Amino acid sequence: MKVLKIGDDVLQIKMSPSFMQKAACPLYLKLHYVDKVDVVKRWIRIEAERGKTGHAAIADLLQFCLDESCTLRDGVDDTMIRDAINKHLPHEIMGEAGLVFQWLRLWRDRFGIPKNIFGQEQKLALDEEFEECAWDEASYRGILDLMQVTGSHCVITDWKSQPHIIPESDLHQAIGTDIAEQFTFYAWLAWKMYPQLETFKVRLWYLRYGFYVESQRTLEDLELFEQTLMIKERKIAEIESWDPIPGKHCQYCDFIHMCPIAQDMSPSNPEIITQEQAIRAAQRITVMEALIKVDKGKLKLYVNANDNVMIGENWIYGYNHKTSTTWKPGEVDPVLRDRGYQLADVANLDVKKMRKLLKESAKTDPELAAKLEAISHEKHKTEFKGYRKGEDAVDDDESF
């Protein structure tokens, strides 16, 4: 098993989606796996606790149905859902019980239990030689929410409680994005554990919406991912200090309030003239933006239940009502035409709708898709912000 040594600290490297996410910041890795900071001292992320509650309750209800050989609709009533939620819901997020209840009722009504379930909450653990081993001794491990196997075909389902619907293009990538690699990792684990498997489907079930999206993983995808995994494992083993490294992962950090960068209240430099000063400024902004995002979410909940917040005599934080004027294109078009104008003289096309039309027509009307593609135009702009290396931003709000 590979280990990471920094001073007197020794950390066994156990590659998993959550371990790799935390490894993006050495301090995050240390506080979680080395210091093992007590749960009560961690930053409470409501969305994460909701998701954990939903996962645990689903595991209980699904196991009940498997044991009793019944369907969810026949075997699980609202009382059972309430009891399962109550068992796993932390008191800190008691106010979220209603939302989780809605998710599980929707899941019960729409999810059909398949007959080929191989395991649920399936723990897969492999040693350095990719052989099955105990969970605590594993070099590679993961928990599959639901695993189905038919012959050499495997289907892996993961429950997701997030509101954001991930673009299918991201899910279809074997490597490159966090969510894509998470699912590829699960398929890779299943393949290493059960070499007879040859084809894979990964499914993402949206609990709050009651539907799933799926993608394929081939053996070629898994072999490519394995090479990427080995690179990441080696880079983690080469970490030389526990110093924090801010980034997108700050949004998910359980210890953002303990980060020395977040606690750095020293004055900024009058000017940024060196690379070191520039890095320090960018780090502070990244961590503070993550903190601000969390606080804005909590403040919004407070304002929803109370009122806008007065800051001093002349400044308010909360909802600011504005009125604007709008017109419906279908009603404007005949009025303009009657006076010899064209709608295009005053209106811009909706880029999202055009992209959707282009995507749909590529399947149903290739000729139309080709014509739309031929008359499309590219617009370029830059935006000053923090972003992931290699990320190519697409602005859906701009017009053609």
Protein backbone atom coordinates (compact mmCIF):
# COMPACT_ATOMS: atom_id res chain seq x y z
CA MET A 1 0.00 0.00 0.00
CA LYS A 2 1.33 3.43 -0.93
CA VAL A 3 1.72 5.93 1.89
CA LEU A 4 2.16 9.68 2.16
CA LYS A 5 4.75 10.83 4.71
CA ILE A 6 5.07 14.44 5.84
CA GLY A 7 7.07 14.99 9.03
CA ASP A 8 5.71 12.63 11.66
CA ASP A 9 2.42 12.19 9.82
CA VAL A 10 1.83 9.00 7.83
CA LEU A 11 -1.26 8.57 5.68
CA GLN A 12 -2.19 5.38 3.86
CA ILE A 13 -3.38 6.22 0.35
CA LYS A 14 -6.75 4.63 -0.26
CA MET A 15 -7.98 5.80 -3.63
CA SER A 16 -11.70 6.47 -3.87
CA PRO A 17 -13.77 9.29 -5.40
CA SER A 18 -14.05 11.08 -2.05
CA PHE A 19 -10.35 10.57 -1.22
CA MET A 20 -9.28 12.04 -4.55
CA GLN A 21 -11.62 15.00 -4.12
CA LYS A 22 -10.10 15.79 -0.74
CA ALA A 23 -6.56 15.23 -2.05
CA ALA A 24 -6.96 18.30 -4.25
CA CYS A 25 -6.10 20.24 -1.06
CA PRO A 26 -3.43 18.70 1.23
CA LEU A 27 -4.87 20.42 4.31
CA TYR A 28 -8.33 19.00 3.60
CA LEU A 29 -6.73 15.55 3.33
CA LYS A 30 -4.88 15.99 6.63
CA LEU A 31 -7.81 17.30 8.66
CA HIS A 32 -10.07 14.48 7.47
CA TYR A 33 -7.81 11.41 7.37
CA VAL A 34 -4.84 12.25 9.63
CA ASP A 35 -6.26 14.54 12.32
CA LYS A 36 -9.72 12.98 11.95
CA VAL A 37 -11.39 16.15 13.15
CA ASP A 38 -14.52 15.42 15.17
CA VAL A 39 -17.75 15.60 13.18
CA VAL A 40 -19.22 18.26 15.47
CA LYS A 41 -16.35 20.58 14.59
CA ARG A 42 -16.89 20.30 10.85
CA TRP A 43 -18.71 22.80 8.70
CA ILE A 44 -22.34 21.69 8.40
CA ARG A 45 -23.30 21.55 4.74
CA ILE A 46 -27.05 21.15 4.60
CA GLU A 47 -27.09 19.79 1.07
CA ALA A 48 -24.53 17.09 1.93
CA GLU A 49 -26.41 16.03 5.08
CA ARG A 50 -29.66 15.83 3.11
CA GLY A 51 -27.99 13.57 0.58
CA LYS A 52 -26.55 11.27 3.27
CA THR A 53 -29.96 10.98 4.91
CA GLY A 54 -31.64 10.12 1.62
CA HIS A 55 -29.00 7.51 0.77
CA ALA A 56 -29.23 5.80 4.16
CA ALA A 57 -33.04 5.77 4.16
CA ILE A 58 -33.15 4.32 0.63
CA ALA A 59 -30.73 1.57 1.65
CA ASP A 60 -33.04 0.55 4.52
CA LEU A 61 -36.22 0.62 2.44
CA LEU A 62 -34.70 -1.18 -0.52
CA GLN A 63 -33.27 -3.91 1.72
CA PHE A 64 -36.68 -4.38 3.31
CA CYS A 65 -38.25 -4.95 -0.10
CA LEU A 66 -35.50 -7.37 -1.14
CA ASP A 67 -35.92 -9.34 2.08
CA GLU A 68 -39.71 -9.42 1.75
CA SER A 69 -39.69 -9.99 -2.06
CA CYS A 70 -42.08 -7.09 -2.63
CA THR A 71 -42.12 -3.95 -4.77
CA LEU A 72 -41.57 -0.48 -3.37
CA ARG A 73 -45.16 0.55 -4.08
CA ASP A 74 -46.62 -2.54 -2.44
CA GLY A 75 -44.21 -2.82 0.46
CA VAL A 76 -43.35 0.77 1.42
CA ASP A 77 -45.96 3.20 2.72
CA ASP A 78 -45.51 6.79 3.89
CA THR A 79 -45.11 5.71 7.51
CA MET A 80 -42.13 3.52 6.62
CA ILE A 81 -40.55 6.38 4.68
CA ARG A 82 -41.01 8.71 7.65
CA ASP A 83 -39.47 6.16 10.02
CA ALA A 84 -36.47 5.61 7.73
CA ILE A 85 -35.85 9.35 7.44
CA ASN A 86 -36.24 9.88 11.17
CA LYS A 87 -33.66 7.17 11.83
CA HIS A 88 -30.96 8.88 9.78
CA LEU A 89 -31.84 12.62 9.80
CA PRO A 90 -29.38 14.73 11.86
CA HIS A 91 -31.14 17.14 14.20
CA GLU A 92 -29.12 20.01 12.69
CA ILE A 93 -31.12 19.72 9.45
CA MET A 94 -34.53 18.88 10.92
CA GLY A 95 -36.03 21.60 8.76
CA GLU A 96 -35.04 19.63 5.65
CA ALA A 97 -37.16 16.57 6.57
CA GLY A 98 -40.01 17.58 4.26
CA LEU A 99 -37.76 17.83 1.22
CA VAL A 100 -36.16 14.43 1.86
CA PHE A 101 -39.63 12.96 2.36
CA GLN A 102 -40.69 14.26 -1.06
CA TRP A 103 -37.61 12.70 -2.66
CA LEU A 104 -38.25 9.29 -1.17
CA ARG A 105 -41.95 9.25 -2.04
CA LEU A 106 -41.03 10.10 -5.64
CA TRP A 107 -38.34 7.40 -5.63
CA ARG A 108 -40.79 4.84 -4.24
CA ASP A 109 -43.40 5.64 -6.90
CA ARG A 110 -41.04 5.70 -9.88
CA PHE A 111 -38.19 3.32 -9.17
CA GLY A 112 -38.86 -0.26 -10.15
CA ILE A 113 -36.69 -2.76 -8.28
CA PRO A 114 -34.84 -4.84 -10.91
CA LYS A 115 -34.60 -8.61 -10.60
CA ASN A 116 -30.87 -8.80 -11.31
CA ILE A 117 -29.61 -6.90 -8.25
CA PHE A 118 -26.12 -8.07 -7.36
CA GLY A 119 -25.79 -5.81 -4.34
CA GLN A 120 -26.84 -2.49 -2.83
CA GLU A 121 -24.55 -0.25 -0.78
CA GLN A 122 -21.97 -2.66 -2.19
CA LYS A 123 -18.50 -2.16 -0.73
CA LEU A 124 -15.71 -3.03 -3.17
CA ALA A 125 -12.16 -3.06 -1.80
CA LEU A 126 -8.95 -3.99 -3.65
CA ASP A 127 -5.33 -4.17 -2.56
CA GLU A 128 -2.27 -2.98 -4.49
CA GLU A 129 -2.44 -6.08 -6.71
CA PHE A 130 -6.14 -5.50 -7.46
CA GLU A 131 -7.14 -8.46 -5.31
CA GLU A 132 -10.14 -8.36 -2.98
CA CYS A 133 -9.24 -7.39 0.57
CA ALA A 134 -10.63 -5.99 3.81
CA TRP A 135 -12.09 -2.48 3.59
CA ASP A 136 -9.58 -0.91 5.99
CA GLU A 137 -6.63 -2.50 4.16
CA ALA A 138 -7.69 -1.45 0.67
CA SER A 139 -5.66 0.64 -1.74
CA TYR A 140 -8.72 1.19 -3.96
CA ARG A 141 -12.25 1.21 -2.66
CA GLY A 142 -15.73 2.52 -3.23
CA ILE A 143 -19.37 2.00 -2.28
CA LEU A 144 -21.82 1.34 -5.11
CA ASP A 145 -25.37 2.45 -4.30
CA LEU A 146 -26.86 -0.25 -6.52
CA MET A 147 -25.18 -2.89 -8.67
CA GLN A 148 -26.92 -5.14 -11.19
CA VAL A 149 -25.26 -7.98 -13.09
CA THR A 150 -26.61 -10.01 -16.00
CA GLY A 151 -24.01 -12.36 -17.48
CA SER A 152 -21.07 -10.14 -18.43
CA HIS A 153 -23.10 -6.90 -18.27
CA CYS A 154 -23.07 -4.61 -15.21
CA VAL A 155 -25.32 -1.66 -14.38
CA ILE A 156 -24.29 0.72 -11.60
CA THR A 157 -26.80 3.22 -10.19
CA ASP A 158 -25.91 6.19 -8.00
CA TRP A 159 -28.51 8.25 -6.11
CA LYS A 160 -28.01 12.02 -6.46
CA SER A 161 -29.91 14.66 -4.49
CA GLN A 162 -28.42 17.76 -6.10
CA PRO A 163 -30.67 20.24 -7.94
CA HIS A 164 -28.21 20.70 -10.81
CA ILE A 165 -28.82 18.35 -13.73
CA ILE A 166 -25.42 17.37 -15.06
CA PRO A 167 -25.03 17.70 -18.85
CA GLU A 168 -25.11 14.26 -20.42
CA SER A 169 -22.01 15.18 -22.38
CA ASP A 170 -20.13 15.34 -19.06
CA LEU A 171 -21.51 11.99 -17.95
CA HIS A 172 -20.49 10.35 -21.23
CA GLN A 173 -16.82 11.20 -20.74
CA ALA A 174 -14.78 8.40 -19.21
CA ILE A 175 -12.28 10.86 -17.76
CA GLY A 176 -12.01 14.63 -17.56
CA THR A 177 -14.71 15.75 -15.12
CA ASP A 178 -15.25 14.83 -11.47
CA ILE A 179 -18.66 13.24 -12.04
CA ALA A 180 -17.49 11.30 -15.11
CA GLU A 181 -14.47 9.92 -13.28
CA GLN A 182 -16.56 9.02 -10.24
CA PHE A 183 -18.72 6.72 -12.35
CA THR A 184 -15.77 5.37 -14.29
CA PHE A 185 -14.08 4.59 -10.98
CA TYR A 186 -17.12 2.57 -9.87
CA ALA A 187 -17.16 0.63 -13.15
CA TRP A 188 -13.39 0.08 -12.92
CA LEU A 189 -13.73 -1.29 -9.37
CA ALA A 190 -16.48 -3.68 -10.49
CA TRP A 191 -14.35 -4.85 -13.43
CA LYS A 192 -11.28 -5.47 -11.26
CA MET A 193 -13.36 -7.31 -8.67
CA TYR A 194 -15.26 -9.35 -11.26
CA PRO A 195 -13.08 -9.78 -14.39
CA GLN A 196 -15.86 -11.64 -16.22
CA LEU A 197 -17.68 -8.32 -16.68
CA GLU A 198 -17.25 -6.85 -20.16
CA THR A 199 -19.84 -4.10 -20.63
CA PHE A 200 -20.99 -1.41 -18.22
CA LYS A 201 -23.77 1.12 -17.79
CA VAL A 202 -23.58 3.87 -15.20
CA ARG A 203 -26.82 5.52 -14.12
CA LEU A 204 -27.38 8.72 -12.20
CA TRP A 205 -30.79 8.80 -10.50
CA TYR A 206 -31.97 12.31 -9.58
CA LEU A 207 -33.91 11.87 -6.34
CA ARG A 208 -35.62 15.25 -6.44
CA TYR A 209 -36.81 14.79 -10.02
CA GLY A 210 -37.54 11.06 -10.16
CA PHE A 211 -35.63 10.09 -13.30
CA TYR A 212 -32.21 8.85 -14.33
CA VAL A 213 -29.67 9.41 -17.07
CA GLU A 214 -27.19 6.78 -18.10
CA SER A 215 -23.98 6.30 -20.02
CA GLN A 216 -21.78 3.46 -21.23
CA ARG A 217 -18.28 2.48 -20.15
CA THR A 218 -16.18 0.16 -22.28
CA LEU A 219 -13.17 -1.93 -21.27
CA GLU A 220 -11.06 0.53 -23.25
CA ASP A 221 -12.47 3.36 -21.12
CA LEU A 222 -11.57 1.49 -17.95
CA GLU A 223 -8.04 0.74 -19.11
CA LEU A 224 -7.51 4.41 -19.94
CA PHE A 225 -8.95 5.43 -16.57
CA GLU A 226 -6.60 3.04 -14.78
CA GLN A 227 -3.61 4.88 -16.22
CA THR A 228 -5.05 8.19 -15.05
CA LEU A 229 -5.70 6.71 -11.61
CA MET A 230 -2.07 5.58 -11.29
CA ILE A 231 -0.87 9.09 -12.17
CA LYS A 232 -3.09 10.65 -9.50
CA GLU A 233 -2.03 8.08 -6.92
CA ARG A 234 1.63 8.87 -7.53
CA LYS A 235 1.06 12.62 -7.37
CA ILE A 236 -0.72 12.26 -4.03
CA ALA A 237 2.20 10.22 -2.68
CA GLU A 238 4.54 13.06 -3.71
CA ILE A 239 2.77 15.77 -1.67
CA GLU A 240 5.46 17.52 0.38
CA SER A 241 3.45 19.70 2.78
CA TRP A 242 -0.02 20.04 4.27
CA ASP A 243 -0.34 23.63 3.08
CA PRO A 244 -3.82 24.38 1.68
CA ILE A 245 -4.32 24.67 -2.06
CA PRO A 246 -7.56 26.58 -2.82
CA GLY A 247 -9.68 25.69 -5.78
CA LYS A 248 -13.13 24.60 -6.84
CA HIS A 249 -13.01 21.95 -4.12
CA CYS A 250 -13.33 24.70 -1.49
CA GLN A 251 -17.08 24.57 -2.23
CA TYR A 252 -17.24 21.07 -0.72
CA CYS A 253 -14.66 21.37 2.07
CA ASP A 254 -15.84 20.37 5.57
CA PHE A 255 -13.15 22.53 7.14
CA ILE A 256 -13.42 25.81 5.23
CA HIS A 257 -13.83 27.68 8.55
CA MET A 258 -10.52 26.22 9.79
CA CYS A 259 -8.53 27.12 6.69
CA PRO A 260 -5.68 29.53 7.49
CA ILE A 261 -6.31 31.32 4.21
CA ALA A 262 -9.91 31.99 5.20
CA GLN A 263 -8.75 33.24 8.60
CA ASP A 264 -6.12 35.54 7.11
CA MET A 265 -7.47 38.99 7.85
CA SER A 266 -4.19 40.80 7.26
CA PRO A 267 -4.35 43.84 4.98
CA SER A 268 -3.92 43.28 1.29
CA ASN A 269 -0.80 44.59 -0.41
CA PRO A 270 -1.13 48.14 -1.77
CA GLU A 271 -0.26 46.70 -5.16
CA ILE A 272 0.26 43.20 -6.54
CA ILE A 273 3.65 43.23 -8.19
CA THR A 274 5.09 39.76 -7.58
CA GLN A 275 3.98 36.24 -8.44
CA GLU A 276 3.91 35.36 -4.75
CA GLN A 277 1.57 38.28 -3.98
CA ALA A 278 -0.64 37.36 -6.92
CA ILE A 279 -0.95 33.74 -5.76
CA ARG A 280 -1.78 34.84 -2.20
CA ALA A 281 -4.48 37.22 -3.44
CA ALA A 282 -6.02 34.58 -5.73
CA GLN A 283 -6.01 32.04 -2.89
CA ARG A 284 -7.76 34.41 -0.49
CA ILE A 285 -10.40 35.30 -3.08
CA THR A 286 -11.08 31.62 -3.90
CA VAL A 287 -11.58 30.61 -0.27
CA MET A 288 -13.61 33.71 0.58
CA GLU A 289 -15.88 33.17 -2.42
CA ALA A 290 -16.59 29.64 -1.16
CA LEU A 291 -17.43 31.00 2.29
CA ILE A 292 -19.61 33.73 0.82
CA LYS A 293 -21.55 31.19 -1.25
CA VAL A 294 -22.37 29.18 1.87
CA ASP A 295 -23.34 32.26 3.90
CA LYS A 296 -25.52 33.64 1.10
CA GLY A 297 -27.45 30.38 1.01
CA LYS A 298 -28.04 30.48 4.76
CA LEU A 299 -28.92 34.18 4.69
CA LYS A 300 -31.45 33.54 1.92
CA LEU A 301 -33.19 30.91 4.07
CA TYR A 302 -33.32 33.40 6.95
CA VAL A 303 -34.74 36.17 4.76
CA ASN A 304 -37.34 33.78 3.29
CA ALA A 305 -38.64 33.08 6.80
CA ASN A 306 -38.22 36.60 8.20
CA ASP A 307 -37.46 39.75 6.24
CA ASN A 308 -34.73 41.60 4.40
CA VAL A 309 -31.76 42.50 6.60
CA MET A 310 -31.02 46.14 7.40
CA ILE A 311 -27.30 46.93 7.50
CA GLY A 312 -26.92 50.37 8.98
CA GLU A 313 -29.38 53.06 7.91
CA ASN A 314 -29.10 53.00 4.15
CA TRP A 315 -28.09 49.50 3.10
CA ILE A 316 -30.35 46.43 2.80
CA TYR A 317 -29.41 42.85 2.00
CA GLY A 318 -32.22 40.70 0.65
CA TYR A 319 -34.78 40.76 -2.15
CA ASN A 320 -34.88 43.91 -4.25
CA HIS A 321 -38.00 44.09 -6.41
CA LYS A 322 -37.60 45.49 -9.90
CA THR A 323 -40.10 45.85 -12.69
CA SER A 324 -39.18 45.51 -16.33
CA THR A 325 -41.11 45.54 -19.56
CA THR A 326 -41.21 42.54 -21.89
CA TRP A 327 -43.00 41.47 -25.06
CA LYS A 328 -43.97 38.07 -26.43
CA PRO A 329 -42.41 37.48 -29.88
CA GLY A 330 -45.61 35.85 -31.20
CA GLU A 331 -47.62 38.98 -30.42
CA VAL A 332 -44.98 41.47 -31.57
CA ASP A 333 -44.30 39.81 -34.94
CA PRO A 334 -47.67 40.56 -36.65
CA VAL A 335 -47.70 44.13 -35.32
CA LEU A 336 -44.25 44.82 -36.77
CA ARG A 337 -45.00 43.10 -40.06
CA ASP A 338 -48.07 45.29 -40.47
CA ARG A 339 -45.74 48.31 -40.45
CA GLY A 340 -43.08 46.79 -42.66
CA TYR A 341 -40.63 45.79 -39.91
CA GLN A 342 -39.08 42.41 -39.21
CA LEU A 343 -38.94 40.76 -35.80
CA ALA A 344 -35.20 40.29 -36.33
CA ASP A 345 -34.80 44.07 -36.29
CA VAL A 346 -35.56 44.19 -32.55
CA ALA A 347 -35.15 40.64 -31.19
CA ASN A 348 -32.29 38.25 -30.57
CA LEU A 349 -32.53 34.48 -30.75
CA ASP A 350 -32.49 32.46 -27.52
CA VAL A 351 -29.14 30.65 -27.62
CA LYS A 352 -30.26 27.78 -25.36
CA LYS A 353 -33.31 27.11 -27.52
CA MET A 354 -31.24 27.30 -30.69
CA ARG A 355 -28.72 24.81 -29.31
CA LYS A 356 -31.56 22.52 -28.29
CA LEU A 357 -33.12 22.81 -31.77
CA LEU A 358 -29.74 22.08 -33.37
CA LYS A 359 -29.26 19.00 -31.19
CA GLU A 360 -32.76 17.66 -31.86
CA SER A 361 -32.67 18.35 -35.57
CA ALA A 362 -29.35 16.52 -35.87
CA LYS A 363 -31.35 13.36 -35.08
CA THR A 364 -34.67 14.13 -36.77
CA ASP A 365 -33.85 16.56 -39.58
CA PRO A 366 -30.14 16.50 -40.56
CA GLU A 367 -30.73 18.93 -43.43
CA LEU A 368 -32.09 21.58 -41.06
CA ALA A 369 -29.23 20.92 -38.64
CA ALA A 370 -26.69 21.40 -41.43
CA LYS A 371 -28.27 24.69 -42.51
CA LEU A 372 -28.38 26.02 -38.94
CA GLU A 373 -24.76 24.99 -38.40
CA ALA A 374 -23.73 26.74 -41.61
CA ILE A 375 -25.22 30.09 -40.59
CA SER A 376 -24.05 30.02 -36.96
CA HIS A 377 -21.48 32.56 -35.81
CA GLU A 378 -18.96 32.44 -33.01
CA LYS A 379 -18.65 35.21 -30.43
CA HIS A 380 -15.72 35.44 -28.07
CA LYS A 381 -15.25 37.21 -24.77
CA THR A 382 -13.26 36.84 -21.59
CA GLU A 383 -14.47 36.81 -17.98
CA PHE A 384 -12.27 37.52 -14.99
CA LYS A 385 -12.88 34.72 -12.44
CA GLY A 386 -11.40 31.55 -10.96
CA TYR A 387 -11.86 28.49 -13.15
CA ARG A 388 -10.63 24.93 -13.65
CA LYS A 389 -7.58 24.48 -15.89
CA GLY A 390 -8.71 23.41 -19.34
CA GLU A 391 -12.27 24.63 -18.76
CA ASP A 392 -13.81 26.18 -21.87
CA ALA A 393 -16.67 28.39 -20.72
CA VAL A 394 -19.89 28.56 -22.76
CA ASP A 395 -22.10 31.56 -22.09
CA ASP A 396 -25.70 30.49 -22.59
CA ASP A 397 -27.00 34.00 -22.02
CA GLU A 398 -25.37 35.66 -25.01
CA SER A 399 -27.25 35.90 -28.30
CA PHE A 400 -26.40 35.10 -31.86
